[in-house]
Amino acid sequence: MTSVMDQMGEALWIMVLGMVLVYAFLGILILGLKLIANRYAPKAEDNEKRPETPVASAQSKGLDPRLVAAITSAIQQYRAQEGRS
């Protein structure tokens, strides 16, 4: 039968080995993610080449301005009622 000190030493060794393996795995994982991100991430010049999409407004879609005003008024009234309840 081994002594308590031998068992404690073995437990300490297993704990240190486990911690080293976990930190090594996490380091490799972080390194791998950085390499993949550098390879597949969009570059700054890719963003400059993309055309900007025009903002859709009520006028560009051919909506009646009176209809838009009525909808806006209805939304404002609904929000005002909701605040009082």
PDB file of N, CA and C in Angstrom:
ATOM      1  N   MET A   1       0.844  -1.177   0.000  1.00  0.00           N
ATOM      2  CA  MET A   1       0.000   0.000   0.000  1.00  0.00           C
ATOM      3  C   MET A   1       0.886   1.236   0.000  1.00  0.00           C
ATOM      4  N   THR A   2       0.518   2.213  -0.857  1.00  0.00           N
ATOM      5  CA  THR A   2       1.349   3.406  -0.961  1.00  0.00           C
ATOM      6  C   THR A   2       0.975   4.396   0.122  1.00  0.00           C
ATOM      7  N   SER A   3       1.883   5.282   0.376  1.00  0.00           N
ATOM      8  CA  SER A   3       1.637   6.267   1.419  1.00  0.00           C
ATOM      9  C   SER A   3       0.764   7.406   0.887  1.00  0.00           C
ATOM     10  N   VAL A   4       0.246   8.174   1.797  1.00  0.00           N
ATOM     11  CA  VAL A   4      -0.609   9.295   1.442  1.00  0.00           C
ATOM     12  C   VAL A   4       0.181  10.332   0.654  1.00  0.00           C
ATOM     13  N   MET A   5       1.442  10.523   0.986  1.00  0.00           N
ATOM     14  CA  MET A   5       2.264  11.511   0.277  1.00  0.00           C
ATOM     15  C   MET A   5       2.494  11.098  -1.170  1.00  0.00           C
ATOM     16  N   ASP A   6       2.662   9.808  -1.410  1.00  0.00           N
ATOM     17  CA  ASP A   6       2.820   9.338  -2.789  1.00  0.00           C
ATOM     18  C   ASP A   6       1.545   9.573  -3.594  1.00  0.00           C
ATOM     19  N   GLN A   7       0.413   9.339  -2.976  1.00  0.00           N
ATOM     20  CA  GLN A   7      -0.861   9.558  -3.659  1.00  0.00           C
ATOM     21  C   GLN A   7      -1.084  11.047  -3.940  1.00  0.00           C
ATOM     22  N   MET A   8      -0.718  11.892  -2.981  1.00  0.00           N
ATOM     23  CA  MET A   8      -0.853  13.333  -3.198  1.00  0.00           C
ATOM     24  C   MET A   8       0.053  13.808  -4.324  1.00  0.00           C
ATOM     25  N   GLY A   9       1.267  13.285  -4.376  1.00  0.00           N
ATOM     26  CA  GLY A   9       2.192  13.646  -5.446  1.00  0.00           C
ATOM     27  C   GLY A   9       1.667  13.219  -6.795  1.00  0.00           C
ATOM     28  N   GLU A  10       1.098  12.029  -6.864  1.00  0.00           N
ATOM     29  CA  GLU A  10       0.537  11.548  -8.121  1.00  0.00           C
ATOM     30  C   GLU A  10      -0.689  12.380  -8.525  1.00  0.00           C
ATOM     31  N   ALA A  11      -1.528  12.745  -7.569  1.00  0.00           N
ATOM     32  CA  ALA A  11      -2.692  13.574  -7.854  1.00  0.00           C
ATOM     33  C   ALA A  11      -2.264  14.952  -8.352  1.00  0.00           C
ATOM     34  N   LEU A  12      -1.225  15.518  -7.743  1.00  0.00           N
ATOM     35  CA  LEU A  12      -0.717  16.813  -8.181  1.00  0.00           C
ATOM     36  C   LEU A  12      -0.184  16.727  -9.604  1.00  0.00           C
ATOM     37  N   TRP A  13       0.539  15.657  -9.908  1.00  0.00           N
ATOM     38  CA  TRP A  13       1.083  15.465 -11.255  1.00  0.00           C
ATOM     39  C   TRP A  13      -0.049  15.352 -12.291  1.00  0.00           C
ATOM     40  N   ILE A  14      -1.097  14.616 -11.978  1.00  0.00           N
ATOM     41  CA  ILE A  14      -2.225  14.462 -12.894  1.00  0.00           C
ATOM     42  C   ILE A  14      -2.939  15.804 -13.087  1.00  0.00           C
ATOM     43  N   MET A  15      -3.079  16.577 -12.016  1.00  0.00           N
ATOM     44  CA  MET A  15      -3.723  17.881 -12.111  1.00  0.00           C
ATOM     45  C   MET A  15      -2.919  18.820 -13.004  1.00  0.00           C
ATOM     46  N   VAL A  16      -1.612  18.870 -12.815  1.00  0.00           N
ATOM     47  CA  VAL A  16      -0.756  19.740 -13.634  1.00  0.00           C
ATOM     48  C   VAL A  16      -0.793  19.302 -15.091  1.00  0.00           C
ATOM     49  N   LEU A  17      -0.737  18.001 -15.322  1.00  0.00           N
ATOM     50  CA  LEU A  17      -0.784  17.479 -16.688  1.00  0.00           C
ATOM     51  C   LEU A  17      -2.114  17.855 -17.353  1.00  0.00           C
ATOM     52  N   GLY A  18      -3.213  17.733 -16.636  1.00  0.00           N
ATOM     53  CA  GLY A  18      -4.516  18.094 -17.181  1.00  0.00           C
ATOM     54  C   GLY A  18      -4.607  19.569 -17.505  1.00  0.00           C
ATOM     55  N   MET A  19      -4.092  20.413 -16.627  1.00  0.00           N
ATOM     56  CA  MET A  19      -4.132  21.858 -16.879  1.00  0.00           C
ATOM     57  C   MET A  19      -3.285  22.228 -18.086  1.00  0.00           C
ATOM     58  N   VAL A  20      -2.132  21.626 -18.217  1.00  0.00           N
ATOM     59  CA  VAL A  20      -1.265  21.899 -19.368  1.00  0.00           C
ATOM     60  C   VAL A  20      -1.951  21.472 -20.657  1.00  0.00           C
ATOM     61  N   LEU A  21      -2.596  20.318 -20.641  1.00  0.00           N
ATOM     62  CA  LEU A  21      -3.280  19.847 -21.843  1.00  0.00           C
ATOM     63  C   LEU A  21      -4.449  20.768 -22.216  1.00  0.00           C
ATOM     64  N   VAL A  22      -5.193  21.238 -21.228  1.00  0.00           N
ATOM     65  CA  VAL A  22      -6.313  22.133 -21.510  1.00  0.00           C
ATOM     66  C   VAL A  22      -5.808  23.448 -22.106  1.00  0.00           C
ATOM     67  N   TYR A  23      -4.778  24.040 -21.502  1.00  0.00           N
ATOM     68  CA  TYR A  23      -4.248  25.302 -22.030  1.00  0.00           C
ATOM     69  C   TYR A  23      -3.633  25.105 -23.414  1.00  0.00           C
ATOM     70  N   ALA A  24      -2.991  23.970 -23.646  1.00  0.00           N
ATOM     71  CA  ALA A  24      -2.432  23.703 -24.973  1.00  0.00           C
ATOM     72  C   ALA A  24      -3.552  23.580 -26.003  1.00  0.00           C
ATOM     73  N   PHE A  25      -4.607  22.863 -25.655  1.00  0.00           N
ATOM     74  CA  PHE A  25      -5.742  22.719 -26.574  1.00  0.00           C
ATOM     75  C   PHE A  25      -6.368  24.074 -26.877  1.00  0.00           C
ATOM     76  N   LEU A  26      -6.593  24.884 -25.845  1.00  0.00           N
ATOM     77  CA  LEU A  26      -7.190  26.203 -26.066  1.00  0.00           C
ATOM     78  C   LEU A  26      -6.276  27.095 -26.913  1.00  0.00           C
ATOM     79  N   GLY A  27      -4.977  27.024 -26.693  1.00  0.00           N
ATOM     80  CA  GLY A  27      -4.040  27.806 -27.495  1.00  0.00           C
ATOM     81  C   GLY A  27      -4.076  27.393 -28.955  1.00  0.00           C
ATOM     82  N   ILE A  28      -4.111  26.082 -29.205  1.00  0.00           N
ATOM     83  CA  ILE A  28      -4.189  25.596 -30.586  1.00  0.00           C
ATOM     84  C   ILE A  28      -5.512  26.008 -31.218  1.00  0.00           C
ATOM     85  N   LEU A  29      -6.595  25.952 -30.449  1.00  0.00           N
ATOM     86  CA  LEU A  29      -7.901  26.351 -30.958  1.00  0.00           C
ATOM     87  C   LEU A  29      -7.921  27.828 -31.336  1.00  0.00           C
ATOM     88  N   ILE A  30      -7.379  28.685 -30.488  1.00  0.00           N
ATOM     89  CA  ILE A  30      -7.338  30.124 -30.774  1.00  0.00           C
ATOM     90  C   ILE A  30      -6.465  30.402 -31.988  1.00  0.00           C
ATOM     91  N   LEU A  31      -5.324  29.756 -32.059  1.00  0.00           N
ATOM     92  CA  LEU A  31      -4.434  29.931 -33.209  1.00  0.00           C
ATOM     93  C   LEU A  31      -5.121  29.492 -34.498  1.00  0.00           C
ATOM     94  N   GLY A  32      -5.805  28.357 -34.453  1.00  0.00           N
ATOM     95  CA  GLY A  32      -6.518  27.883 -35.641  1.00  0.00           C
ATOM     96  C   GLY A  32      -7.613  28.831 -36.076  1.00  0.00           C
ATOM     97  N   LEU A  33      -8.366  29.365 -35.120  1.00  0.00           N
ATOM     98  CA  LEU A  33      -9.426  30.306 -35.460  1.00  0.00           C
ATOM     99  C   LEU A  33      -8.872  31.591 -36.065  1.00  0.00           C
ATOM    100  N   LYS A  34      -7.749  32.059 -35.539  1.00  0.00           N
ATOM    101  CA  LYS A  34      -7.143  33.269 -36.107  1.00  0.00           C
ATOM    102  C   LYS A  34      -6.643  33.024 -37.531  1.00  0.00           C
ATOM    103  N   LEU A  35      -6.053  31.871 -37.765  1.00  0.00           N
ATOM    104  CA  LEU A  35      -5.584  31.562 -39.115  1.00  0.00           C
ATOM    105  C   LEU A  35      -6.752  31.468 -40.088  1.00  0.00           C
ATOM    106  N   ILE A  36      -7.835  30.826 -39.682  1.00  0.00           N
ATOM    107  CA  ILE A  36      -9.001  30.708 -40.548  1.00  0.00           C
ATOM    108  C   ILE A  36      -9.622  32.084 -40.786  1.00  0.00           C
ATOM    109  N   ALA A  37      -9.692  32.905 -39.750  1.00  0.00           N
ATOM    110  CA  ALA A  37     -10.270  34.242 -39.907  1.00  0.00           C
ATOM    111  C   ALA A  37      -9.426  35.089 -40.846  1.00  0.00           C
ATOM    112  N   ASN A  38      -8.114  34.990 -40.751  1.00  0.00           N
ATOM    113  CA  ASN A  38      -7.255  35.774 -41.643  1.00  0.00           C
ATOM    114  C   ASN A  38      -7.375  35.312 -43.084  1.00  0.00           C
ATOM    115  N   ARG A  39      -7.616  34.032 -43.286  1.00  0.00           N
ATOM    116  CA  ARG A  39      -7.685  33.518 -44.640  1.00  0.00           C
ATOM    117  C   ARG A  39      -9.032  33.813 -45.299  1.00  0.00           C
ATOM    118  N   TYR A  40     -10.126  33.662 -44.560  1.00  0.00           N
ATOM    119  CA  TYR A  40     -11.447  33.748 -45.156  1.00  0.00           C
ATOM    120  C   TYR A  40     -12.198  35.038 -44.854  1.00  0.00           C
ATOM    121  N   ALA A  41     -11.675  35.900 -44.027  1.00  0.00           N
ATOM    122  CA  ALA A  41     -12.362  37.145 -43.703  1.00  0.00           C
ATOM    123  C   ALA A  41     -12.313  38.087 -44.906  1.00  0.00           C
ATOM    124  N   PRO A  42     -13.375  38.868 -45.112  1.00  0.00           N
ATOM    125  CA  PRO A  42     -13.349  39.816 -46.233  1.00  0.00           C
ATOM    126  C   PRO A  42     -12.316  40.914 -45.979  1.00  0.00           C
ATOM    127  N   LYS A  43     -11.651  41.293 -47.017  1.00  0.00           N
ATOM    128  CA  LYS A  43     -10.627  42.336 -46.922  1.00  0.00           C
ATOM    129  C   LYS A  43     -11.267  43.709 -47.056  1.00  0.00           C
ATOM    130  N   ALA A  44     -10.540  44.751 -46.709  1.00  0.00           N
ATOM    131  CA  ALA A  44     -11.062  46.119 -46.758  1.00  0.00           C
ATOM    132  C   ALA A  44     -11.383  46.529 -48.188  1.00  0.00           C
ATOM    133  N   GLU A  45     -10.586  46.100 -49.167  1.00  0.00           N
ATOM    134  CA  GLU A  45     -10.849  46.495 -50.550  1.00  0.00           C
ATOM    135  C   GLU A  45     -12.101  45.817 -51.089  1.00  0.00           C
ATOM    136  N   ASP A  46     -12.514  44.676 -50.502  1.00  0.00           N
ATOM    137  CA  ASP A  46     -13.757  44.048 -50.915  1.00  0.00           C
ATOM    138  C   ASP A  46     -14.951  44.926 -50.571  1.00  0.00           C
ATOM    139  N   ASN A  47     -14.884  45.604 -49.437  1.00  0.00           N
ATOM    140  CA  ASN A  47     -15.984  46.470 -49.020  1.00  0.00           C
ATOM    141  C   ASN A  47     -16.095  47.694 -49.920  1.00  0.00           C
ATOM    142  N   GLU A  48     -14.966  48.176 -50.436  1.00  0.00           N
ATOM    143  CA  GLU A  48     -14.982  49.353 -51.294  1.00  0.00           C
ATOM    144  C   GLU A  48     -15.555  49.035 -52.666  1.00  0.00           C
ATOM    145  N   LYS A  49     -15.439  47.815 -53.121  1.00  0.00           N
ATOM    146  CA  LYS A  49     -15.900  47.442 -54.450  1.00  0.00           C
ATOM    147  C   LYS A  49     -17.407  47.237 -54.508  1.00  0.00           C
ATOM    148  N   ARG A  50     -18.038  46.979 -53.374  1.00  0.00           N
ATOM    149  CA  ARG A  50     -19.469  46.720 -53.354  1.00  0.00           C
ATOM    150  C   ARG A  50     -20.247  48.007 -53.600  1.00  0.00           C
ATOM    151  N   PRO A  51     -21.212  47.972 -54.518  1.00  0.00           N
ATOM    152  CA  PRO A  51     -22.036  49.168 -54.729  1.00  0.00           C
ATOM    153  C   PRO A  51     -23.012  49.313 -53.567  1.00  0.00           C
ATOM    154  N   GLU A  52     -23.270  50.534 -53.211  1.00  0.00           N
ATOM    155  CA  GLU A  52     -24.201  50.792 -52.118  1.00  0.00           C
ATOM    156  C   GLU A  52     -25.626  50.624 -52.625  1.00  0.00           C
ATOM    157  N   THR A  53     -26.451  50.002 -51.799  1.00  0.00           N
ATOM    158  CA  THR A  53     -27.838  49.819 -52.187  1.00  0.00           C
ATOM    159  C   THR A  53     -28.596  51.106 -51.882  1.00  0.00           C
ATOM    160  N   PRO A  54     -29.422  51.539 -52.802  1.00  0.00           N
ATOM    161  CA  PRO A  54     -30.177  52.774 -52.552  1.00  0.00           C
ATOM    162  C   PRO A  54     -31.216  52.544 -51.459  1.00  0.00           C
ATOM    163  N   VAL A  55     -31.444  53.570 -50.688  1.00  0.00           N
ATOM    164  CA  VAL A  55     -32.424  53.503 -49.613  1.00  0.00           C
ATOM    165  C   VAL A  55     -33.808  53.620 -50.232  1.00  0.00           C
ATOM    166  N   ALA A  56     -34.653  52.653 -49.901  1.00  0.00           N
ATOM    167  CA  ALA A  56     -36.003  52.668 -50.451  1.00  0.00           C
ATOM    168  C   ALA A  56     -36.855  53.649 -49.667  1.00  0.00           C
ATOM    169  N   SER A  57     -37.416  54.581 -50.361  1.00  0.00           N
ATOM    170  CA  SER A  57     -38.288  55.554 -49.718  1.00  0.00           C
ATOM    171  C   SER A  57     -39.706  55.366 -50.238  1.00  0.00           C
ATOM    172  N   ALA A  58     -40.621  56.055 -49.616  1.00  0.00           N
ATOM    173  CA  ALA A  58     -42.013  55.948 -50.036  1.00  0.00           C
ATOM    174  C   ALA A  58     -42.198  56.506 -51.445  1.00  0.00           C
ATOM    175  N   GLN A  59     -41.452  57.543 -51.796  1.00  0.00           N
ATOM    176  CA  GLN A  59     -41.592  58.157 -53.116  1.00  0.00           C
ATOM    177  C   GLN A  59     -41.051  57.245 -54.214  1.00  0.00           C
ATOM    178  N   SER A  60     -39.952  56.532 -53.944  1.00  0.00           N
ATOM    179  CA  SER A  60     -39.350  55.703 -54.984  1.00  0.00           C
ATOM    180  C   SER A  60     -40.213  54.483 -55.305  1.00  0.00           C
ATOM    181  N   LYS A  61     -41.057  54.045 -54.362  1.00  0.00           N
ATOM    182  CA  LYS A  61     -41.915  52.896 -54.622  1.00  0.00           C
ATOM    183  C   LYS A  61     -43.259  53.301 -55.222  1.00  0.00           C
ATOM    184  N   GLY A  62     -43.494  54.573 -55.341  1.00  0.00           N
ATOM    185  CA  GLY A  62     -44.732  55.028 -55.944  1.00  0.00           C
ATOM    186  C   GLY A  62     -45.915  55.014 -54.988  1.00  0.00           C
ATOM    187  N   LEU A  63     -45.681  55.105 -53.702  1.00  0.00           N
ATOM    188  CA  LEU A  63     -46.776  55.133 -52.740  1.00  0.00           C
ATOM    189  C   LEU A  63     -47.382  56.527 -52.691  1.00  0.00           C
ATOM    190  N   ASP A  64     -48.656  56.544 -52.434  1.00  0.00           N
ATOM    191  CA  ASP A  64     -49.375  57.809 -52.322  1.00  0.00           C
ATOM    192  C   ASP A  64     -48.966  58.508 -51.026  1.00  0.00           C
ATOM    193  N   PRO A  65     -48.532  59.757 -51.081  1.00  0.00           N
ATOM    194  CA  PRO A  65     -48.116  60.455 -49.866  1.00  0.00           C
ATOM    195  C   PRO A  65     -49.232  60.575 -48.840  1.00  0.00           C
ATOM    196  N   ARG A  66     -50.489  60.639 -49.291  1.00  0.00           N
ATOM    197  CA  ARG A  66     -51.608  60.717 -48.344  1.00  0.00           C
ATOM    198  C   ARG A  66     -51.763  59.407 -47.578  1.00  0.00           C
ATOM    199  N   LEU A  67     -51.512  58.285 -48.263  1.00  0.00           N
ATOM    200  CA  LEU A  67     -51.574  56.976 -47.603  1.00  0.00           C
ATOM    201  C   LEU A  67     -50.484  56.856 -46.551  1.00  0.00           C
ATOM    202  N   VAL A  68     -49.295  57.307 -46.882  1.00  0.00           N
ATOM    203  CA  VAL A  68     -48.186  57.269 -45.930  1.00  0.00           C
ATOM    204  C   VAL A  68     -48.498  58.145 -44.726  1.00  0.00           C
ATOM    205  N   ALA A  69     -49.084  59.301 -44.953  1.00  0.00           N
ATOM    206  CA  ALA A  69     -49.453  60.195 -43.852  1.00  0.00           C
ATOM    207  C   ALA A  69     -50.526  59.563 -42.974  1.00  0.00           C
ATOM    208  N   ALA A  70     -51.508  58.885 -43.581  1.00  0.00           N
ATOM    209  CA  ALA A  70     -52.564  58.231 -42.811  1.00  0.00           C
ATOM    210  C   ALA A  70     -52.004  57.099 -41.961  1.00  0.00           C
ATOM    211  N   ILE A  71     -51.118  56.321 -42.511  1.00  0.00           N
ATOM    212  CA  ILE A  71     -50.506  55.219 -41.756  1.00  0.00           C
ATOM    213  C   ILE A  71     -49.673  55.773 -40.609  1.00  0.00           C
ATOM    214  N   THR A  72     -48.908  56.822 -40.874  1.00  0.00           N
ATOM    215  CA  THR A  72     -48.088  57.437 -39.828  1.00  0.00           C
ATOM    216  C   THR A  72     -48.953  57.975 -38.706  1.00  0.00           C
ATOM    217  N   SER A  73     -50.062  58.610 -39.061  1.00  0.00           N
ATOM    218  CA  SER A  73     -50.976  59.145 -38.055  1.00  0.00           C
ATOM    219  C   SER A  73     -51.591  58.022 -37.227  1.00  0.00           C
ATOM    220  N   ALA A  74     -51.974  56.933 -37.865  1.00  0.00           N
ATOM    221  CA  ALA A  74     -52.562  55.797 -37.153  1.00  0.00           C
ATOM    222  C   ALA A  74     -51.560  55.182 -36.176  1.00  0.00           C
ATOM    223  N   ILE A  75     -50.326  55.080 -36.584  1.00  0.00           N
ATOM    224  CA  ILE A  75     -49.286  54.528 -35.699  1.00  0.00           C
ATOM    225  C   ILE A  75     -49.086  55.437 -34.496  1.00  0.00           C
ATOM    226  N   GLN A  76     -49.064  56.752 -34.723  1.00  0.00           N
ATOM    227  CA  GLN A  76     -48.884  57.688 -33.610  1.00  0.00           C
ATOM    228  C   GLN A  76     -50.051  57.627 -32.640  1.00  0.00           C
ATOM    229  N   GLN A  77     -51.262  57.516 -33.150  1.00  0.00           N
ATOM    230  CA  GLN A  77     -52.429  57.413 -32.275  1.00  0.00           C
ATOM    231  C   GLN A  77     -52.409  56.112 -31.477  1.00  0.00           C
ATOM    232  N   TYR A  78     -52.018  55.028 -32.104  1.00  0.00           N
ATOM    233  CA  TYR A  78     -51.958  53.733 -31.422  1.00  0.00           C
ATOM    234  C   TYR A  78     -50.925  53.793 -30.290  1.00  0.00           C
ATOM    235  N   ARG A  79     -49.765  54.364 -30.585  1.00  0.00           N
ATOM    236  CA  ARG A  79     -48.730  54.473 -29.548  1.00  0.00           C
ATOM    237  C   ARG A  79     -49.171  55.379 -28.406  1.00  0.00           C
ATOM    238  N   ALA A  80     -49.930  56.422 -28.721  1.00  0.00           N
ATOM    239  CA  ALA A  80     -50.426  57.323 -27.668  1.00  0.00           C
ATOM    240  C   ALA A  80     -51.437  56.607 -26.784  1.00  0.00           C
ATOM    241  N   GLN A  81     -52.322  55.800 -27.369  1.00  0.00           N
ATOM    242  CA  GLN A  81     -53.300  55.023 -26.593  1.00  0.00           C
ATOM    243  C   GLN A  81     -52.604  53.980 -25.730  1.00  0.00           C
ATOM    244  N   GLU A  82     -51.603  53.359 -26.281  1.00  0.00           N
ATOM    245  CA  GLU A  82     -50.888  52.303 -25.568  1.00  0.00           C
ATOM    246  C   GLU A  82     -50.179  52.874 -24.347  1.00  0.00           C
ATOM    247  N   GLY A  83     -49.723  54.113 -24.432  1.00  0.00           N
ATOM    248  CA  GLY A  83     -49.035  54.751 -23.311  1.00  0.00           C
ATOM    249  C   GLY A  83     -49.989  55.081 -22.177  1.00  0.00           C
ATOM    250  N   ARG A  84     -51.263  55.341 -22.476  1.00  0.00           N
ATOM    251  CA  ARG A  84     -52.243  55.703 -21.444  1.00  0.00           C
ATOM    252  C   ARG A  84     -52.785  54.482 -20.716  1.00  0.00           C
ATOM    253  N   SER A  85     -52.784  53.317 -21.369  1.00  0.00           N
ATOM    254  CA  SER A  85     -53.377  52.112 -20.751  1.00  0.00           C
ATOM    255  C   SER A  85     -52.557  51.616 -19.606  1.00  0.00           C
TER     256      SER A  85
END
